Amino acid sequence: MIHNLISSVLEDMAAHGVITKDTLIADGVLHRAHAEGDRSGTLNISYIIHADASPSWYFEYFPRGVKTTGSLSGKRKKLSVSELRQIEAERKRRSFERKQRQKEAAEKAKAIWQKAKPVPSIQSHAYLVKKRVKPFSLRISRGSLLVPI
């Protein structure tokens, strides 16, 4: 069933002029993918594929403003109140998890910054020499330049 679902998503994307060779993941979580023909390294497709009892998908291709949904049944199902509550609960759970990851990343970055040493001069790092950039308030940690953002 997953293979049929992924194939249907890829066909829907192609019908909208969007082609990807990335492996799509059907786990009900928002993912990003590269569209063929776009600049290397860009992830201009966002998608969610649900492989539950009612297989469905959503995808968006930012450069052309394509935004669509689909399902294997081809029908739009009216969601029950309990399904809407479940969707909202899942949305809140993902939001909480994302905020936790962001908080952990911020704490880690702060700890790394505090342990890092200030860059004393332009000659202290090859990148600064190559770009002829003053170190200003940059720091260095294990050979890597740290830039506060």
N, C-alpha and C. Protein backbone atom coordinates (compact mmCIF):
# COMPACT_ATOMS: atom_id res chain seq x y z
N MET A 1 0.81 -1.19 0.00
CA MET A 1 0.00 0.00 0.00
C MET A 1 0.86 1.27 0.00
N ILE A 2 1.94 1.27 0.78
CA ILE A 2 2.83 2.44 0.84
C ILE A 2 3.36 2.77 -0.54
N HIS A 3 3.76 1.74 -1.28
CA HIS A 3 4.29 1.97 -2.64
C HIS A 3 3.25 2.67 -3.51
N ASN A 4 1.99 2.21 -3.44
CA ASN A 4 0.91 2.85 -4.23
C ASN A 4 0.71 4.29 -3.78
N LEU A 5 0.76 4.52 -2.49
CA LEU A 5 0.57 5.86 -1.95
C LEU A 5 1.68 6.80 -2.44
N ILE A 6 2.93 6.38 -2.30
CA ILE A 6 4.06 7.20 -2.74
C ILE A 6 3.97 7.45 -4.25
N SER A 7 3.63 6.41 -5.00
CA SER A 7 3.50 6.56 -6.46
C SER A 7 2.41 7.58 -6.80
N SER A 8 1.30 7.54 -6.06
CA SER A 8 0.21 8.50 -6.30
C SER A 8 0.65 9.92 -6.00
N VAL A 9 1.42 10.10 -4.93
CA VAL A 9 1.92 11.44 -4.59
C VAL A 9 2.84 11.94 -5.70
N LEU A 10 3.75 11.08 -6.15
CA LEU A 10 4.68 11.47 -7.21
C LEU A 10 3.93 11.81 -8.51
N GLU A 11 2.88 11.04 -8.81
CA GLU A 11 2.07 11.32 -10.00
C GLU A 11 1.35 12.66 -9.87
N ASP A 12 0.83 12.93 -8.67
CA ASP A 12 0.15 14.21 -8.43
C ASP A 12 1.13 15.37 -8.57
N MET A 13 2.32 15.19 -8.03
CA MET A 13 3.35 16.24 -8.17
C MET A 13 3.66 16.46 -9.65
N ALA A 14 3.87 15.36 -10.37
CA ALA A 14 4.20 15.46 -11.80
C ALA A 14 3.07 16.15 -12.58
N ALA A 15 1.82 15.86 -12.21
CA ALA A 15 0.68 16.50 -12.88
C ALA A 15 0.69 18.01 -12.66
N HIS A 16 1.35 18.45 -11.61
CA HIS A 16 1.48 19.89 -11.32
C HIS A 16 2.84 20.43 -11.78
N GLY A 17 3.58 19.61 -12.55
CA GLY A 17 4.86 20.06 -13.08
C GLY A 17 6.01 20.02 -12.09
N VAL A 18 5.86 19.23 -11.03
CA VAL A 18 6.88 19.14 -9.99
C VAL A 18 7.43 17.73 -9.97
N ILE A 19 8.73 17.60 -10.19
CA ILE A 19 9.39 16.29 -10.22
C ILE A 19 10.46 16.25 -9.15
N THR A 20 10.49 15.16 -8.39
CA THR A 20 11.56 14.96 -7.42
C THR A 20 12.08 13.54 -7.52
N LYS A 21 13.36 13.38 -7.29
CA LYS A 21 13.96 12.05 -7.23
C LYS A 21 14.26 11.68 -5.79
N ASP A 22 13.93 12.59 -4.85
CA ASP A 22 14.12 12.32 -3.43
C ASP A 22 13.18 11.19 -3.00
N THR A 23 13.60 10.42 -2.01
CA THR A 23 12.76 9.39 -1.43
C THR A 23 11.74 10.06 -0.51
N LEU A 24 10.46 9.87 -0.79
CA LEU A 24 9.42 10.46 0.02
C LEU A 24 9.11 9.56 1.22
N ILE A 25 8.77 10.18 2.33
CA ILE A 25 8.54 9.46 3.58
C ILE A 25 7.07 9.63 3.98
N ALA A 26 6.39 8.51 4.20
CA ALA A 26 4.96 8.53 4.55
C ALA A 26 4.81 8.27 6.05
N ASP A 27 5.07 9.31 6.85
CA ASP A 27 4.98 9.14 8.30
C ASP A 27 4.10 10.20 8.97
N GLY A 28 3.37 10.99 8.18
CA GLY A 28 2.49 11.99 8.73
C GLY A 28 3.19 13.22 9.28
N VAL A 29 4.48 13.37 8.95
CA VAL A 29 5.28 14.49 9.43
C VAL A 29 5.69 15.35 8.24
N LEU A 30 5.80 16.65 8.45
CA LEU A 30 6.20 17.57 7.39
C LEU A 30 7.66 17.31 7.01
N HIS A 31 7.91 17.15 5.71
CA HIS A 31 9.25 16.94 5.17
C HIS A 31 9.49 17.93 4.04
N ARG A 32 10.75 18.07 3.66
CA ARG A 32 11.14 18.92 2.52
C ARG A 32 11.85 18.04 1.50
N ALA A 33 11.76 18.43 0.23
CA ALA A 33 12.41 17.68 -0.85
C ALA A 33 12.90 18.64 -1.92
N HIS A 34 13.82 18.16 -2.73
CA HIS A 34 14.39 18.93 -3.83
C HIS A 34 13.59 18.67 -5.10
N ALA A 35 13.27 19.72 -5.83
CA ALA A 35 12.58 19.60 -7.12
C ALA A 35 13.63 19.60 -8.22
N GLU A 36 13.49 18.66 -9.14
CA GLU A 36 14.39 18.59 -10.29
C GLU A 36 14.33 19.91 -11.05
N GLY A 37 15.49 20.38 -11.47
CA GLY A 37 15.57 21.62 -12.22
C GLY A 37 15.82 22.84 -11.35
N ASP A 38 15.59 22.70 -10.05
CA ASP A 38 15.88 23.80 -9.13
C ASP A 38 17.38 23.80 -8.81
N ARG A 39 17.85 24.93 -8.32
CA ARG A 39 19.26 25.05 -7.94
C ARG A 39 19.64 23.93 -6.96
N SER A 40 20.81 23.39 -7.12
CA SER A 40 21.30 22.31 -6.27
C SER A 40 21.25 22.71 -4.81
N GLY A 41 20.78 21.81 -3.98
CA GLY A 41 20.74 22.05 -2.54
C GLY A 41 19.46 22.68 -2.05
N THR A 42 18.60 23.15 -2.96
CA THR A 42 17.35 23.77 -2.51
C THR A 42 16.32 22.69 -2.17
N LEU A 43 15.49 22.99 -1.23
CA LEU A 43 14.42 22.09 -0.82
C LEU A 43 13.10 22.87 -0.94
N ASN A 44 12.63 23.04 -2.17
CA ASN A 44 11.48 23.89 -2.44
C ASN A 44 10.14 23.16 -2.39
N ILE A 45 10.15 21.88 -2.09
CA ILE A 45 8.91 21.12 -1.94
C ILE A 45 8.74 20.83 -0.45
N SER A 46 7.54 21.08 0.07
CA SER A 46 7.22 20.59 1.41
C SER A 46 6.06 19.63 1.25
N TYR A 47 6.03 18.58 2.07
CA TYR A 47 4.97 17.59 1.93
C TYR A 47 4.73 16.86 3.24
N ILE A 48 3.51 16.34 3.34
CA ILE A 48 3.13 15.44 4.42
C ILE A 48 2.37 14.30 3.76
N ILE A 49 2.74 13.07 4.09
CA ILE A 49 2.03 11.91 3.56
C ILE A 49 1.54 11.08 4.74
N HIS A 50 0.23 10.86 4.78
CA HIS A 50 -0.39 10.05 5.83
C HIS A 50 -0.69 8.67 5.27
N ALA A 51 -0.13 7.64 5.90
CA ALA A 51 -0.35 6.26 5.45
C ALA A 51 -1.25 5.52 6.43
N ASP A 52 -2.23 6.21 6.98
CA ASP A 52 -3.12 5.60 7.97
C ASP A 52 -4.31 4.93 7.28
N ALA A 53 -5.42 4.80 7.97
CA ALA A 53 -6.60 4.14 7.41
C ALA A 53 -7.17 4.89 6.20
N SER A 54 -6.89 6.20 6.13
CA SER A 54 -7.35 7.01 5.01
C SER A 54 -6.14 7.70 4.37
N PRO A 55 -5.36 6.95 3.57
CA PRO A 55 -4.11 7.49 3.01
C PRO A 55 -4.34 8.78 2.22
N SER A 56 -3.56 9.81 2.58
CA SER A 56 -3.72 11.11 1.94
C SER A 56 -2.41 11.87 1.98
N TRP A 57 -2.38 13.02 1.29
CA TRP A 57 -1.15 13.81 1.24
C TRP A 57 -1.45 15.27 1.01
N TYR A 58 -0.44 16.04 1.29
CA TYR A 58 -0.43 17.48 1.02
C TYR A 58 0.96 17.77 0.48
N PHE A 59 1.07 18.61 -0.52
CA PHE A 59 2.39 19.10 -0.92
C PHE A 59 2.28 20.52 -1.42
N GLU A 60 3.40 21.21 -1.31
CA GLU A 60 3.49 22.59 -1.76
C GLU A 60 4.83 22.77 -2.46
N TYR A 61 4.79 23.46 -3.60
CA TYR A 61 6.00 23.79 -4.34
C TYR A 61 6.08 25.30 -4.38
N PHE A 62 6.99 25.85 -3.61
CA PHE A 62 7.03 27.28 -3.35
C PHE A 62 7.28 28.17 -4.58
N PRO A 63 8.23 27.85 -5.48
CA PRO A 63 8.50 28.78 -6.59
C PRO A 63 7.30 29.08 -7.47
N ARG A 64 6.41 28.11 -7.65
CA ARG A 64 5.25 28.33 -8.53
C ARG A 64 3.94 28.51 -7.76
N GLY A 65 4.02 28.46 -6.43
CA GLY A 65 2.81 28.63 -5.62
C GLY A 65 1.84 27.46 -5.72
N VAL A 66 2.35 26.28 -6.07
CA VAL A 66 1.50 25.09 -6.15
C VAL A 66 1.27 24.59 -4.73
N LYS A 67 0.00 24.34 -4.41
CA LYS A 67 -0.36 23.85 -3.09
C LYS A 67 -1.58 22.95 -3.27
N THR A 68 -1.43 21.65 -2.92
CA THR A 68 -2.54 20.74 -3.19
C THR A 68 -2.60 19.60 -2.18
N THR A 69 -3.74 18.95 -2.14
CA THR A 69 -3.94 17.78 -1.31
C THR A 69 -4.51 16.67 -2.18
N GLY A 70 -4.40 15.45 -1.70
CA GLY A 70 -4.96 14.32 -2.43
C GLY A 70 -5.14 13.14 -1.51
N SER A 71 -5.83 12.12 -2.02
CA SER A 71 -6.02 10.89 -1.25
C SER A 71 -6.07 9.71 -2.21
N LEU A 72 -5.79 8.52 -1.69
CA LEU A 72 -5.83 7.34 -2.55
C LEU A 72 -7.25 7.07 -3.03
N SER A 73 -8.23 7.35 -2.20
CA SER A 73 -9.62 7.11 -2.59
C SER A 73 -10.08 8.12 -3.64
N GLY A 74 -9.40 9.27 -3.70
CA GLY A 74 -9.79 10.31 -4.64
C GLY A 74 -10.96 11.14 -4.14
N LYS A 75 -11.45 10.81 -2.94
CA LYS A 75 -12.58 11.55 -2.38
C LYS A 75 -12.12 12.36 -1.18
N ARG A 76 -12.77 13.49 -1.00
CA ARG A 76 -12.53 14.31 0.19
C ARG A 76 -13.47 13.83 1.27
N LYS A 77 -12.91 13.42 2.39
CA LYS A 77 -13.70 12.90 3.48
C LYS A 77 -13.95 14.00 4.50
N LYS A 78 -15.19 14.16 4.91
CA LYS A 78 -15.51 15.12 5.98
C LYS A 78 -15.03 14.52 7.28
N LEU A 79 -14.20 15.29 8.00
CA LEU A 79 -13.64 14.78 9.25
C LEU A 79 -14.64 14.92 10.39
N SER A 80 -14.65 13.90 11.25
CA SER A 80 -15.51 13.94 12.42
C SER A 80 -14.90 14.86 13.46
N VAL A 81 -15.69 15.21 14.48
CA VAL A 81 -15.22 16.07 15.56
C VAL A 81 -14.03 15.40 16.27
N SER A 82 -14.13 14.09 16.50
CA SER A 82 -13.02 13.40 17.18
C SER A 82 -11.76 13.38 16.33
N GLU A 83 -11.90 13.25 15.00
CA GLU A 83 -10.74 13.30 14.12
C GLU A 83 -10.11 14.68 14.12
N LEU A 84 -10.95 15.72 14.11
CA LEU A 84 -10.43 17.08 14.17
C LEU A 84 -9.69 17.33 15.48
N ARG A 85 -10.23 16.82 16.58
CA ARG A 85 -9.55 16.94 17.87
C ARG A 85 -8.21 16.21 17.86
N GLN A 86 -8.22 15.03 17.26
CA GLN A 86 -6.99 14.24 17.18
C GLN A 86 -5.93 14.98 16.35
N ILE A 87 -6.35 15.57 15.26
CA ILE A 87 -5.43 16.34 14.41
C ILE A 87 -4.86 17.52 15.18
N GLU A 88 -5.73 18.22 15.90
CA GLU A 88 -5.27 19.37 16.68
C GLU A 88 -4.32 18.94 17.80
N ALA A 89 -4.62 17.82 18.45
CA ALA A 89 -3.74 17.31 19.51
C ALA A 89 -2.37 16.94 18.92
N GLU A 90 -2.37 16.33 17.75
CA GLU A 90 -1.11 15.95 17.09
C GLU A 90 -0.33 17.20 16.69
N ARG A 91 -1.03 18.22 16.20
CA ARG A 91 -0.39 19.47 15.82
C ARG A 91 0.27 20.12 17.04
N LYS A 92 -0.42 20.11 18.16
CA LYS A 92 0.12 20.68 19.40
C LYS A 92 1.33 19.88 19.88
N ARG A 93 1.24 18.53 19.78
CA ARG A 93 2.37 17.69 20.20
C ARG A 93 3.60 17.97 19.37
N ARG A 94 3.42 18.07 18.04
CA ARG A 94 4.56 18.36 17.16
C ARG A 94 5.13 19.74 17.45
N SER A 95 4.28 20.71 17.71
CA SER A 95 4.73 22.06 18.03
C SER A 95 5.54 22.05 19.32
N PHE A 96 5.06 21.34 20.33
CA PHE A 96 5.78 21.24 21.60
C PHE A 96 7.15 20.58 21.38
N GLU A 97 7.17 19.48 20.62
CA GLU A 97 8.44 18.79 20.35
C GLU A 97 9.41 19.69 19.60
N ARG A 98 8.91 20.45 18.62
CA ARG A 98 9.77 21.37 17.86
C ARG A 98 10.35 22.44 18.78
N LYS A 99 9.52 22.99 19.66
CA LYS A 99 9.99 24.00 20.59
C LYS A 99 11.04 23.43 21.55
N GLN A 100 10.86 22.18 21.96
CA GLN A 100 11.84 21.53 22.83
C GLN A 100 13.18 21.38 22.10
N ARG A 101 13.13 20.92 20.84
CA ARG A 101 14.36 20.77 20.05
C ARG A 101 15.05 22.11 19.87
N GLN A 102 14.26 23.15 19.60
CA GLN A 102 14.83 24.50 19.44
C GLN A 102 15.48 24.98 20.73
N LYS A 103 14.83 24.72 21.85
CA LYS A 103 15.37 25.12 23.15
C LYS A 103 16.68 24.39 23.43
N GLU A 104 16.70 23.08 23.16
CA GLU A 104 17.92 22.30 23.37
C GLU A 104 19.05 22.80 22.47
N ALA A 105 18.73 23.10 21.22
CA ALA A 105 19.74 23.60 20.28
C ALA A 105 20.28 24.95 20.75
N ALA A 106 19.40 25.82 21.24
CA ALA A 106 19.83 27.13 21.73
C ALA A 106 20.74 26.99 22.95
N GLU A 107 20.39 26.08 23.84
CA GLU A 107 21.22 25.84 25.03
C GLU A 107 22.59 25.29 24.63
N LYS A 108 22.60 24.39 23.67
CA LYS A 108 23.87 23.81 23.20
C LYS A 108 24.73 24.90 22.56
N ALA A 109 24.11 25.72 21.70
CA ALA A 109 24.84 26.80 21.04
C ALA A 109 25.41 27.78 22.06
N LYS A 110 24.63 28.10 23.08
CA LYS A 110 25.08 29.02 24.12
C LYS A 110 26.28 28.44 24.86
N ALA A 111 26.23 27.15 25.18
CA ALA A 111 27.33 26.51 25.90
C ALA A 111 28.60 26.49 25.04
N ILE A 112 28.45 26.19 23.76
CA ILE A 112 29.60 26.18 22.85
C ILE A 112 30.20 27.58 22.75
N TRP A 113 29.33 28.59 22.60
CA TRP A 113 29.78 29.98 22.49
C TRP A 113 30.55 30.41 23.74
N GLN A 114 30.03 30.05 24.90
CA GLN A 114 30.66 30.46 26.15
C GLN A 114 32.03 29.80 26.35
N LYS A 115 32.20 28.58 25.86
CA LYS A 115 33.48 27.87 26.00
C LYS A 115 34.49 28.30 24.93
N ALA A 116 34.00 28.87 23.83
CA ALA A 116 34.88 29.24 22.72
C ALA A 116 35.73 30.45 23.08
N LYS A 117 36.86 30.54 22.40
CA LYS A 117 37.80 31.65 22.62
C LYS A 117 37.58 32.73 21.56
N PRO A 118 37.72 34.01 21.93
CA PRO A 118 37.63 35.07 20.92
C PRO A 118 38.74 34.91 19.87
N VAL A 119 38.43 35.27 18.64
CA VAL A 119 39.43 35.22 17.57
C VAL A 119 40.30 36.46 17.71
N PRO A 120 41.60 36.27 17.98
CA PRO A 120 42.45 37.44 18.25
C PRO A 120 42.80 38.28 17.02
N SER A 121 42.92 37.65 15.84
CA SER A 121 43.32 38.42 14.67
C SER A 121 42.86 37.71 13.40
N ILE A 122 42.98 38.42 12.28
CA ILE A 122 42.60 37.88 10.99
C ILE A 122 43.43 36.64 10.63
N GLN A 123 44.67 36.59 11.11
CA GLN A 123 45.55 35.47 10.80
C GLN A 123 45.21 34.22 11.62
N SER A 124 44.25 34.31 12.50
CA SER A 124 43.91 33.18 13.36
C SER A 124 43.09 32.10 12.67
N HIS A 125 42.55 32.41 11.50
CA HIS A 125 41.74 31.41 10.81
C HIS A 125 41.87 31.62 9.30
N ALA A 126 42.04 30.51 8.56
CA ALA A 126 42.25 30.56 7.11
C ALA A 126 41.09 31.25 6.38
N TYR A 127 39.87 31.06 6.85
CA TYR A 127 38.72 31.68 6.19
C TYR A 127 38.82 33.20 6.26
N LEU A 128 39.19 33.71 7.41
CA LEU A 128 39.32 35.15 7.57
C LEU A 128 40.42 35.71 6.68
N VAL A 129 41.51 34.97 6.58
CA VAL A 129 42.62 35.39 5.72
C VAL A 129 42.15 35.42 4.27
N LYS A 130 41.50 34.33 3.84
CA LYS A 130 41.05 34.21 2.46
C LYS A 130 40.05 35.31 2.10
N LYS A 131 39.13 35.61 2.99
CA LYS A 131 38.09 36.60 2.73
C LYS A 131 38.50 38.02 3.12
N ARG A 132 39.67 38.12 3.76
CA ARG A 132 40.18 39.42 4.23
C ARG A 132 39.15 40.14 5.10
N VAL A 133 38.65 39.38 6.07
CA VAL A 133 37.61 39.88 6.97
C VAL A 133 38.18 39.97 8.38
N LYS A 134 37.90 41.07 9.06
CA LYS A 134 38.31 41.21 10.45
C LYS A 134 37.46 40.29 11.31
N PRO A 135 38.01 39.80 12.41
CA PRO A 135 37.27 38.85 13.24
C PRO A 135 36.12 39.46 14.04
N PHE A 136 36.11 40.78 14.21
CA PHE A 136 35.08 41.46 14.99
C PHE A 136 34.81 40.69 16.28
N SER A 137 33.58 40.20 16.49
CA SER A 137 33.27 39.50 17.73
C SER A 137 33.14 37.99 17.54
N LEU A 138 33.79 37.47 16.50
CA LEU A 138 33.74 36.04 16.25
C LEU A 138 34.51 35.27 17.31
N ARG A 139 34.16 34.01 17.45
CA ARG A 139 34.89 33.13 18.36
C ARG A 139 35.28 31.89 17.59
N ILE A 140 36.17 31.12 18.20
CA ILE A 140 36.65 29.90 17.55
C ILE A 140 36.53 28.74 18.53
N SER A 141 36.06 27.62 18.00
CA SER A 141 35.90 26.41 18.81
C SER A 141 36.32 25.22 17.98
N ARG A 142 37.35 24.53 18.44
CA ARG A 142 37.86 23.33 17.77
C ARG A 142 38.10 23.57 16.28
N GLY A 143 38.65 24.73 15.97
CA GLY A 143 39.02 25.06 14.60
C GLY A 143 37.91 25.67 13.76
N SER A 144 36.70 25.73 14.30
CA SER A 144 35.56 26.29 13.57
C SER A 144 35.24 27.68 14.04
N LEU A 145 34.97 28.57 13.07
CA LEU A 145 34.55 29.92 13.40
C LEU A 145 33.10 29.88 13.88
N LEU A 146 32.82 30.64 14.91
CA LEU A 146 31.45 30.75 15.43
C LEU A 146 30.98 32.18 15.20
N VAL A 147 29.81 32.30 14.61
CA VAL A 147 29.23 33.61 14.31
C VAL A 147 27.92 33.72 15.09
N PRO A 148 27.78 34.73 15.94
CA PRO A 148 26.54 34.87 16.69
C PRO A 148 25.41 35.38 15.78
N ILE A 149 24.34 34.64 15.76
CA ILE A 149 23.18 35.07 14.97
C ILE A 149 21.91 34.94 15.80
